[in-house]
PDB file of all heavy atoms in Angstrom:
ATOM      1  N   SER A   1    -100.465-120.581 142.386  1.00  0.00           N
ATOM      2  CA  SER A   1     -99.449-120.946 141.340  1.00  0.00           C
ATOM      3  C   SER A   1     -98.439-119.808 141.250  1.00  0.00           C
ATOM      4  O   SER A   1     -98.843-118.622 141.149  1.00  0.00           O
ATOM      5  CB  SER A   1    -100.112-121.127 139.991  1.00  0.00           C
ATOM      6  OG  SER A   1    -100.973-122.265 140.028  1.00  0.00           O
ATOM      7  N   VAL A   2     -97.158-120.126 141.289  1.00  0.00           N
ATOM      8  CA  VAL A   2     -96.106-119.083 141.233  1.00  0.00           C
ATOM      9  C   VAL A   2     -95.060-119.526 140.195  1.00  0.00           C
ATOM     10  O   VAL A   2     -95.030-120.653 139.714  1.00  0.00           O
ATOM     11  CB  VAL A   2     -95.459-118.888 142.660  1.00  0.00           C
ATOM     12  CG1 VAL A   2     -96.470-118.222 143.554  1.00  0.00           C
ATOM     13  CG2 VAL A   2     -94.956-120.201 143.164  1.00  0.00           C
ATOM     14  N   TYR A   3     -94.191-118.531 139.925  1.00  0.00           N
ATOM     15  CA  TYR A   3     -93.087-118.789 138.940  1.00  0.00           C
ATOM     16  C   TYR A   3     -93.673-119.219 137.634  1.00  0.00           C
ATOM     17  O   TYR A   3     -93.304-120.317 137.085  1.00  0.00           O
ATOM     18  CB  TYR A   3     -92.082-119.677 139.486  1.00  0.00           C
ATOM     19  CG  TYR A   3     -91.378-119.184 140.770  1.00  0.00           C
ATOM     20  CD1 TYR A   3     -91.628-119.816 141.964  1.00  0.00           C
ATOM     21  CD2 TYR A   3     -90.550-118.097 140.711  1.00  0.00           C
ATOM     22  CE1 TYR A   3     -91.042-119.337 143.120  1.00  0.00           C
ATOM     23  CE2 TYR A   3     -89.929-117.585 141.864  1.00  0.00           C
ATOM     24  CZ  TYR A   3     -90.220-118.236 143.066  1.00  0.00           C
ATOM     25  OH  TYR A   3     -89.683-117.705 144.194  1.00  0.00           O
ATOM     26  N   GLU A   4     -94.661-118.414 137.187  1.00  0.00           N
ATOM     27  CA  GLU A   4     -95.297-118.693 135.879  1.00  0.00           C
ATOM     28  C   GLU A   4     -95.987-120.049 135.818  1.00  0.00           C
ATOM     29  O   GLU A   4     -95.993-120.741 134.742  1.00  0.00           O
ATOM     30  CB  GLU A   4     -94.326-118.460 134.717  1.00  0.00           C
ATOM     31  CG  GLU A   4     -93.750-117.055 134.698  1.00  0.00           C
ATOM     32  CD  GLU A   4     -92.760-116.881 133.495  1.00  0.00           C
ATOM     33  OE1 GLU A   4     -92.457-117.874 132.853  1.00  0.00           O
ATOM     34  OE2 GLU A   4     -92.419-115.712 133.285  1.00  0.00           O
ATOM     35  N   GLY A   5     -96.570-120.466 136.941  1.00  0.00           N
ATOM     36  CA  GLY A   5     -97.281-121.706 136.957  1.00  0.00           C
ATOM     37  C   GLY A   5     -96.439-122.960 137.083  1.00  0.00           C
ATOM     38  O   GLY A   5     -97.004-124.128 137.085  1.00  0.00           O
ATOM     39  N   THR A   6     -95.191-122.848 137.326  1.00  0.00           N
ATOM     40  CA  THR A   6     -94.335-124.020 137.410  1.00  0.00           C
ATOM     41  C   THR A   6     -94.347-124.743 138.790  1.00  0.00           C
ATOM     42  O   THR A   6     -93.968-125.871 139.001  1.00  0.00           O
ATOM     43  CB  THR A   6     -92.856-123.685 137.133  1.00  0.00           C
ATOM     44  OG1 THR A   6     -92.373-122.681 138.073  1.00  0.00           O
ATOM     45  CG2 THR A   6     -92.675-123.173 135.697  1.00  0.00           C
ATOM     46  N   GLN A   7     -94.864-123.907 139.813  1.00  0.00           N
ATOM     47  CA  GLN A   7     -95.004-124.428 141.185  1.00  0.00           C
ATOM     48  C   GLN A   7     -96.306-124.037 141.823  1.00  0.00           C
ATOM     49  O   GLN A   7     -96.775-122.932 141.553  1.00  0.00           O
ATOM     50  CB  GLN A   7     -93.832-123.959 142.053  1.00  0.00           C
ATOM     51  CG  GLN A   7     -92.453-124.389 141.617  1.00  0.00           C
ATOM     52  CD  GLN A   7     -91.353-123.938 142.588  1.00  0.00           C
ATOM     53  OE1 GLN A   7     -91.480-124.122 143.776  1.00  0.00           O
ATOM     54  NE2 GLN A   7     -90.294-123.332 142.079  1.00  0.00           N
ATOM     55  N   ARG A   8     -96.847-124.987 142.585  1.00  0.00           N
ATOM     56  CA  ARG A   8     -98.090-124.663 143.322  1.00  0.00           C
ATOM     57  C   ARG A   8     -97.685-124.892 144.854  1.00  0.00           C
ATOM     58  O   ARG A   8     -97.445-126.025 145.241  1.00  0.00           O
ATOM     59  CB  ARG A   8     -99.243-125.610 142.903  1.00  0.00           C
ATOM     60  CG  ARG A   8     -99.809-125.202 141.518  1.00  0.00           C
ATOM     61  CD  ARG A   8    -100.946-126.044 141.138  1.00  0.00           C
ATOM     62  NE  ARG A   8    -102.017-126.088 142.129  1.00  0.00           N
ATOM     63  CZ  ARG A   8    -102.948-125.146 142.205  1.00  0.00           C
ATOM     64  NH1 ARG A   8    -102.916-124.025 141.430  1.00  0.00           N
ATOM     65  NH2 ARG A   8    -103.958-125.203 143.137  1.00  0.00           N
ATOM     66  N   LEU A   9     -97.772-123.828 145.616  1.00  0.00           N
ATOM     67  CA  LEU A   9     -97.364-123.882 147.016  1.00  0.00           C
ATOM     68  C   LEU A   9     -98.397-123.183 147.873  1.00  0.00           C
ATOM     69  O   LEU A   9     -99.118-122.280 147.447  1.00  0.00           O
ATOM     70  CB  LEU A   9     -95.983-123.255 147.174  1.00  0.00           C
ATOM     71  CG  LEU A   9     -94.832-123.911 146.449  1.00  0.00           C
ATOM     72  CD1 LEU A   9     -93.599-123.051 146.481  1.00  0.00           C
ATOM     73  CD2 LEU A   9     -94.506-125.279 147.082  1.00  0.00           C
ATOM     74  N   ARG A  10     -98.370-123.535 149.145  1.00  0.00           N
ATOM     75  CA  ARG A  10     -99.228-122.831 150.112  1.00  0.00           C
ATOM     76  C   ARG A  10     -98.622-121.457 150.449  1.00  0.00           C
ATOM     77  O   ARG A  10     -97.345-121.354 150.444  1.00  0.00           O
ATOM     78  CB  ARG A  10     -99.389-123.703 151.394  1.00  0.00           C
ATOM     79  CG  ARG A  10    -100.257-124.928 151.178  1.00  0.00           C
ATOM     80  CD  ARG A  10    -100.365-125.755 152.401  1.00  0.00           C
ATOM     81  NE  ARG A  10     -99.071-126.291 152.825  1.00  0.00           N
ATOM     82  CZ  ARG A  10     -98.831-127.009 153.929  1.00  0.00           C
ATOM     83  NH1 ARG A  10     -99.824-127.204 154.743  1.00  0.00           N
ATOM     84  NH2 ARG A  10     -97.700-127.428 154.231  1.00  0.00           N
ATOM     85  N   ILE A  11     -99.441-120.480 150.769  1.00  0.00           N
ATOM     86  CA  ILE A  11     -98.942-119.172 151.001  1.00  0.00           C
ATOM     87  C   ILE A  11     -97.974-119.180 152.201  1.00  0.00           C
ATOM     88  O   ILE A  11     -96.990-118.400 152.143  1.00  0.00           O
ATOM     89  CB  ILE A  11    -100.102-118.229 151.261  1.00  0.00           C
ATOM     90  CG1 ILE A  11    -100.845-117.938 149.956  1.00  0.00           C
ATOM     91  CG2 ILE A  11     -99.626-116.889 151.824  1.00  0.00           C
ATOM     92  CD1 ILE A  11    -102.051-117.050 150.037  1.00  0.00           C
ATOM     93  N   LYS A  12     -98.184-119.941 153.150  1.00  0.00           N
ATOM     94  CA  LYS A  12     -97.264-119.907 154.333  1.00  0.00           C
ATOM     95  C   LYS A  12     -95.887-120.465 153.932  1.00  0.00           C
ATOM     96  O   LYS A  12     -94.869-120.199 154.656  1.00  0.00           O
ATOM     97  CB  LYS A  12     -97.870-120.764 155.480  1.00  0.00           C
ATOM     98  CG  LYS A  12     -97.930-122.222 155.298  1.00  0.00           C
ATOM     99  CD  LYS A  12     -98.508-122.829 156.529  1.00  0.00           C
ATOM    100  CE  LYS A  12     -98.758-124.333 156.394  1.00  0.00           C
ATOM    101  NZ  LYS A  12     -99.357-124.937 157.621  1.00  0.00           N
ATOM    102  N   GLU A  13     -95.786-121.121 152.772  1.00  0.00           N
ATOM    103  CA  GLU A  13     -94.460-121.519 152.283  1.00  0.00           C
ATOM    104  C   GLU A  13     -93.813-120.450 151.441  1.00  0.00           C
ATOM    105  O   GLU A  13     -92.581-120.549 151.102  1.00  0.00           O
ATOM    106  CB  GLU A  13     -94.620-122.797 151.444  1.00  0.00           C
ATOM    107  CG  GLU A  13     -95.163-123.998 152.221  1.00  0.00           C
ATOM    108  CD  GLU A  13     -95.452-125.200 151.310  1.00  0.00           C
ATOM    109  OE1 GLU A  13     -96.380-125.088 150.449  1.00  0.00           O
ATOM    110  OE2 GLU A  13     -94.735-126.201 151.449  1.00  0.00           O
ATOM    111  N   LEU A  14     -94.537-119.409 151.114  1.00  0.00           N
ATOM    112  CA  LEU A  14     -94.052-118.352 150.221  1.00  0.00           C
ATOM    113  C   LEU A  14     -93.863-116.992 150.920  1.00  0.00           C
ATOM    114  O   LEU A  14     -93.194-116.153 150.335  1.00  0.00           O
ATOM    115  CB  LEU A  14     -95.051-118.213 149.084  1.00  0.00           C
ATOM    116  CG  LEU A  14     -95.256-119.344 148.161  1.00  0.00           C
ATOM    117  CD1 LEU A  14     -96.478-119.163 147.250  1.00  0.00           C
ATOM    118  CD2 LEU A  14     -94.016-119.708 147.371  1.00  0.00           C
ATOM    119  N   ALA A  15     -94.491-116.821 152.075  1.00  0.00           N
ATOM    120  CA  ALA A  15     -94.410-115.498 152.722  1.00  0.00           C
ATOM    121  C   ALA A  15     -94.661-115.574 154.197  1.00  0.00           C
ATOM    122  O   ALA A  15     -95.218-116.559 154.691  1.00  0.00           O
ATOM    123  CB  ALA A  15     -95.500-114.595 152.075  1.00  0.00           C
ATOM    124  N   THR A  16     -94.188-114.536 154.925  1.00  0.00           N
ATOM    125  CA  THR A  16     -94.504-114.407 156.292  1.00  0.00           C
ATOM    126  C   THR A  16     -95.900-113.769 156.349  1.00  0.00           C
ATOM    127  O   THR A  16     -96.236-112.911 155.507  1.00  0.00           O
ATOM    128  CB  THR A  16     -93.513-113.492 157.059  1.00  0.00           C
ATOM    129  OG1 THR A  16     -93.445-112.243 156.478  1.00  0.00           O
ATOM    130  CG2 THR A  16     -92.124-114.120 157.011  1.00  0.00           C
ATOM    131  N   ILE A  17     -96.727-114.114 157.301  1.00  0.00           N
ATOM    132  CA  ILE A  17     -98.140-113.642 157.434  1.00  0.00           C
ATOM    133  C   ILE A  17     -98.316-113.138 158.795  1.00  0.00           C
ATOM    134  O   ILE A  17     -98.030-113.788 159.836  1.00  0.00           O
ATOM    135  CB  ILE A  17     -99.143-114.810 157.148  1.00  0.00           C
ATOM    136  CG1 ILE A  17     -98.801-115.515 155.859  1.00  0.00           C
ATOM    137  CG2 ILE A  17    -100.504-114.181 157.076  1.00  0.00           C
ATOM    138  CD1 ILE A  17     -99.609-116.824 155.658  1.00  0.00           C
ATOM    139  N   SER A  18     -98.721-111.908 158.950  1.00  0.00           N
ATOM    140  CA  SER A  18     -98.954-111.270 160.235  1.00  0.00           C
ATOM    141  C   SER A  18    -100.164-110.381 160.195  1.00  0.00           C
ATOM    142  O   SER A  18    -100.674-110.000 159.072  1.00  0.00           O
ATOM    143  CB  SER A  18     -97.749-110.490 160.688  1.00  0.00           C
ATOM    144  OG  SER A  18     -97.420-109.444 159.788  1.00  0.00           O
ATOM    145  N   ALA A  19    -100.670-109.988 161.331  1.00  0.00           N
ATOM    146  CA  ALA A  19    -101.816-109.050 161.414  1.00  0.00           C
ATOM    147  C   ALA A  19    -101.304-107.747 161.979  1.00  0.00           C
ATOM    148  O   ALA A  19    -100.863-107.674 163.067  1.00  0.00           O
ATOM    149  CB  ALA A  19    -102.921-109.630 162.305  1.00  0.00           C
ATOM    150  N   SER A  20    -101.374-106.710 161.149  1.00  0.00           N
ATOM    151  CA  SER A  20    -100.916-105.364 161.577  1.00  0.00           C
ATOM    152  C   SER A  20    -101.922-104.735 162.518  1.00  0.00           C
ATOM    153  O   SER A  20    -101.554-103.860 163.313  1.00  0.00           O
ATOM    154  CB  SER A  20    -100.622-104.503 160.368  1.00  0.00           C
ATOM    155  OG  SER A  20    -101.787-104.340 159.645  1.00  0.00           O
ATOM    156  N   ASP A  21    -103.181-105.145 162.395  1.00  0.00           N
ATOM    157  CA  ASP A  21    -104.255-104.681 163.298  1.00  0.00           C
ATOM    158  C   ASP A  21    -105.376-105.751 163.182  1.00  0.00           C
ATOM    159  O   ASP A  21    -105.311-106.657 162.384  1.00  0.00           O
ATOM    160  CB  ASP A  21    -104.781-103.315 162.943  1.00  0.00           C
ATOM    161  CG  ASP A  21    -105.268-103.142 161.519  1.00  0.00           C
ATOM    162  OD1 ASP A  21    -106.247-103.946 161.205  1.00  0.00           O
ATOM    163  OD2 ASP A  21    -104.769-102.391 160.736  1.00  0.00           O
ATOM    164  N   PRO A  22    -106.432-105.667 164.001  1.00  0.00           N
ATOM    165  CA  PRO A  22    -107.502-106.680 163.989  1.00  0.00           C
ATOM    166  C   PRO A  22    -108.156-106.883 162.702  1.00  0.00           C
ATOM    167  O   PRO A  22    -108.834-107.914 162.440  1.00  0.00           O
ATOM    168  CB  PRO A  22    -108.477-106.176 165.044  1.00  0.00           C
ATOM    169  CG  PRO A  22    -107.623-105.379 165.935  1.00  0.00           C
ATOM    170  CD  PRO A  22    -106.620-104.696 165.128  1.00  0.00           C
ATOM    171  N   GLN A  23    -107.995-105.965 161.716  1.00  0.00           N
ATOM    172  CA  GLN A  23    -108.660-106.058 160.425  1.00  0.00           C
ATOM    173  C   GLN A  23    -107.793-106.162 159.217  1.00  0.00           C
ATOM    174  O   GLN A  23    -108.277-106.182 158.068  1.00  0.00           O
ATOM    175  CB  GLN A  23    -109.610-104.814 160.233  1.00  0.00           C
ATOM    176  CG  GLN A  23    -110.683-104.585 161.347  1.00  0.00           C
ATOM    177  CD  GLN A  23    -111.627-105.733 161.482  1.00  0.00           C
ATOM    178  OE1 GLN A  23    -111.887-106.165 162.588  1.00  0.00           O
ATOM    179  NE2 GLN A  23    -112.112-106.305 160.410  1.00  0.00           N
ATOM    180  N   THR A  24    -106.484-106.227 159.479  1.00  0.00           N
ATOM    181  CA  THR A  24    -105.569-106.215 158.334  1.00  0.00           C
ATOM    182  C   THR A  24    -104.456-107.307 158.376  1.00  0.00           C
ATOM    183  O   THR A  24    -103.783-107.383 159.401  1.00  0.00           O
ATOM    184  CB  THR A  24    -104.877-104.840 158.223  1.00  0.00           C
ATOM    185  OG1 THR A  24    -105.802-103.772 158.167  1.00  0.00           O
ATOM    186  CG2 THR A  24    -104.040-104.741 156.902  1.00  0.00           C
ATOM    187  N   LEU A  25    -104.420-108.078 157.324  1.00  0.00           N
ATOM    188  CA  LEU A  25    -103.316-109.087 157.222  1.00  0.00           C
ATOM    189  C   LEU A  25    -102.220-108.429 156.340  1.00  0.00           C
ATOM    190  O   LEU A  25    -102.535-107.784 155.405  1.00  0.00           O
ATOM    191  CB  LEU A  25    -103.863-110.367 156.594  1.00  0.00           C
ATOM    192  CG  LEU A  25    -104.630-111.317 157.493  1.00  0.00           C
ATOM    193  CD1 LEU A  25    -105.083-112.488 156.673  1.00  0.00           C
ATOM    194  CD2 LEU A  25    -103.699-111.795 158.600  1.00  0.00           C
ATOM    195  N   VAL A  26    -100.967-108.742 156.774  1.00  0.00           N
ATOM    196  CA  VAL A  26     -99.832-108.300 155.954  1.00  0.00           C
ATOM    197  C   VAL A  26     -99.001-109.535 155.522  1.00  0.00           C
ATOM    198  O   VAL A  26     -98.584-110.315 156.370  1.00  0.00           O
ATOM    199  CB  VAL A  26     -98.961-107.253 156.720  1.00  0.00           C
ATOM    200  CG1 VAL A  26     -97.731-106.873 155.901  1.00  0.00           C
ATOM    201  CG2 VAL A  26     -99.746-106.107 157.096  1.00  0.00           C
ATOM    202  N   LEU A  27     -98.741-109.679 154.226  1.00  0.00           N
ATOM    203  CA  LEU A  27     -97.954-110.758 153.703  1.00  0.00           C
ATOM    204  C   LEU A  27     -96.717-110.206 153.094  1.00  0.00           C
ATOM    205  O   LEU A  27     -96.741-109.316 152.267  1.00  0.00           O
ATOM    206  CB  LEU A  27     -98.678-111.579 152.584  1.00  0.00           C
ATOM    207  CG  LEU A  27     -99.848-112.533 153.034  1.00  0.00           C
ATOM    208  CD1 LEU A  27    -100.956-111.796 153.721  1.00  0.00           C
ATOM    209  CD2 LEU A  27    -100.308-113.268 151.855  1.00  0.00           C
ATOM    210  N   GLN A  28     -95.562-110.772 153.544  1.00  0.00           N
ATOM    211  CA  GLN A  28     -94.330-110.287 152.922  1.00  0.00           C
ATOM    212  C   GLN A  28     -93.682-111.525 152.298  1.00  0.00           C
ATOM    213  O   GLN A  28     -93.074-112.402 152.982  1.00  0.00           O
ATOM    214  CB  GLN A  28     -93.398-109.763 154.064  1.00  0.00           C
ATOM    215  CG  GLN A  28     -92.067-109.167 153.496  1.00  0.00           C
ATOM    216  CD  GLN A  28     -91.389-108.330 154.529  1.00  0.00           C
ATOM    217  OE1 GLN A  28     -91.755-108.221 155.676  1.00  0.00           O
ATOM    218  NE2 GLN A  28     -90.306-107.601 154.038  1.00  0.00           N
ATOM    219  N   PRO A  29     -93.701-111.559 151.027  1.00  0.00           N
ATOM    220  CA  PRO A  29     -93.108-112.748 150.264  1.00  0.00           C
ATOM    221  C   PRO A  29     -91.651-112.903 150.465  1.00  0.00           C
ATOM    222  O   PRO A  29     -90.899-111.850 150.571  1.00  0.00           O
ATOM    223  CB  PRO A  29     -93.479-112.370 148.771  1.00  0.00           C
ATOM    224  CG  PRO A  29     -94.621-111.464 148.823  1.00  0.00           C
ATOM    225  CD  PRO A  29     -94.390-110.639 150.042  1.00  0.00           C
ATOM    226  N   PHE A  30     -91.169-114.075 150.634  1.00  0.00           N
ATOM    227  CA  PHE A  30     -89.743-114.341 150.717  1.00  0.00           C
ATOM    228  C   PHE A  30     -89.033-113.873 149.410  1.00  0.00           C
ATOM    229  O   PHE A  30     -87.887-113.485 149.455  1.00  0.00           O
ATOM    230  CB  PHE A  30     -89.530-115.813 150.995  1.00  0.00           C
ATOM    231  CG  PHE A  30     -90.195-116.314 152.262  1.00  0.00           C
ATOM    232  CD1 PHE A  30     -90.916-117.516 152.197  1.00  0.00           C
ATOM    233  CD2 PHE A  30     -90.104-115.649 153.430  1.00  0.00           C
ATOM    234  CE1 PHE A  30     -91.577-117.974 153.276  1.00  0.00           C
ATOM    235  CE2 PHE A  30     -90.720-116.139 154.569  1.00  0.00           C
ATOM    236  CZ  PHE A  30     -91.541-117.270 154.514  1.00  0.00           C
ATOM    237  N   ASP A  31     -89.752-114.069 148.369  1.00  0.00           N
ATOM    238  CA  ASP A  31     -89.264-113.597 147.024  1.00  0.00           C
ATOM    239  C   ASP A  31     -90.175-112.531 146.511  1.00  0.00           C
ATOM    240  O   ASP A  31     -91.279-112.858 146.059  1.00  0.00           O
ATOM    241  CB  ASP A  31     -89.132-114.728 146.052  1.00  0.00           C
ATOM    242  CG  ASP A  31     -88.692-114.400 144.663  1.00  0.00           C
ATOM    243  OD1 ASP A  31     -88.435-113.147 144.448  1.00  0.00           O
ATOM    244  OD2 ASP A  31     -88.585-115.268 143.860  1.00  0.00           O
ATOM    245  N   PRO A  32     -89.865-111.243 146.606  1.00  0.00           N
ATOM    246  CA  PRO A  32     -90.761-110.138 146.244  1.00  0.00           C
ATOM    247  C   PRO A  32     -91.226-110.251 144.696  1.00  0.00           C
ATOM    248  O   PRO A  32     -92.277-109.706 144.419  1.00  0.00           O
ATOM    249  CB  PRO A  32     -89.930-108.840 146.473  1.00  0.00           C
ATOM    250  CG  PRO A  32     -88.882-109.285 147.442  1.00  0.00           C
ATOM    251  CD  PRO A  32     -88.600-110.743 147.216  1.00  0.00           C
ATOM    252  N   SER A  33     -90.441-110.946 143.937  1.00  0.00           N
ATOM    253  CA  SER A  33     -90.825-111.044 142.540  1.00  0.00           C
ATOM    254  C   SER A  33     -92.115-111.779 142.251  1.00  0.00           C
ATOM    255  O   SER A  33     -92.694-111.731 141.185  1.00  0.00           O
ATOM    256  CB  SER A  33     -89.722-111.662 141.722  1.00  0.00           C
ATOM    257  OG  SER A  33     -89.611-113.101 141.992  1.00  0.00           O
ATOM    258  N   ILE A  34     -92.617-112.575 143.258  1.00  0.00           N
ATOM    259  CA  ILE A  34     -93.836-113.326 143.077  1.00  0.00           C
ATOM    260  C   ILE A  34     -95.010-112.715 143.796  1.00  0.00           C
ATOM    261  O   ILE A  34     -96.073-113.321 143.933  1.00  0.00           O
ATOM    262  CB  ILE A  34     -93.623-114.800 143.479  1.00  0.00           C
ATOM    263  CG1 ILE A  34     -93.321-114.896 144.942  1.00  0.00           C
ATOM    264  CG2 ILE A  34     -92.627-115.466 142.636  1.00  0.00           C
ATOM    265  CD1 ILE A  34     -93.319-116.342 145.502  1.00  0.00           C
ATOM    266  N   ALA A  35     -94.825-111.501 144.301  1.00  0.00           N
ATOM    267  CA  ALA A  35     -95.905-110.861 145.057  1.00  0.00           C
ATOM    268  C   ALA A  35     -97.211-110.771 144.214  1.00  0.00           C
ATOM    269  O   ALA A  35     -98.315-111.036 144.729  1.00  0.00           O
ATOM    270  CB  ALA A  35     -95.507-109.491 145.582  1.00  0.00           C
TER     271      ALA A  35
END
């Protein structure tokens, strides 16, 4: 739930997802205000 519960979206719709190493995921929200 984001934007104070007004929307429910999948994370892949909200941020880029990558692996910085074999044990760490990094998510960069398209809109930093909802991190």
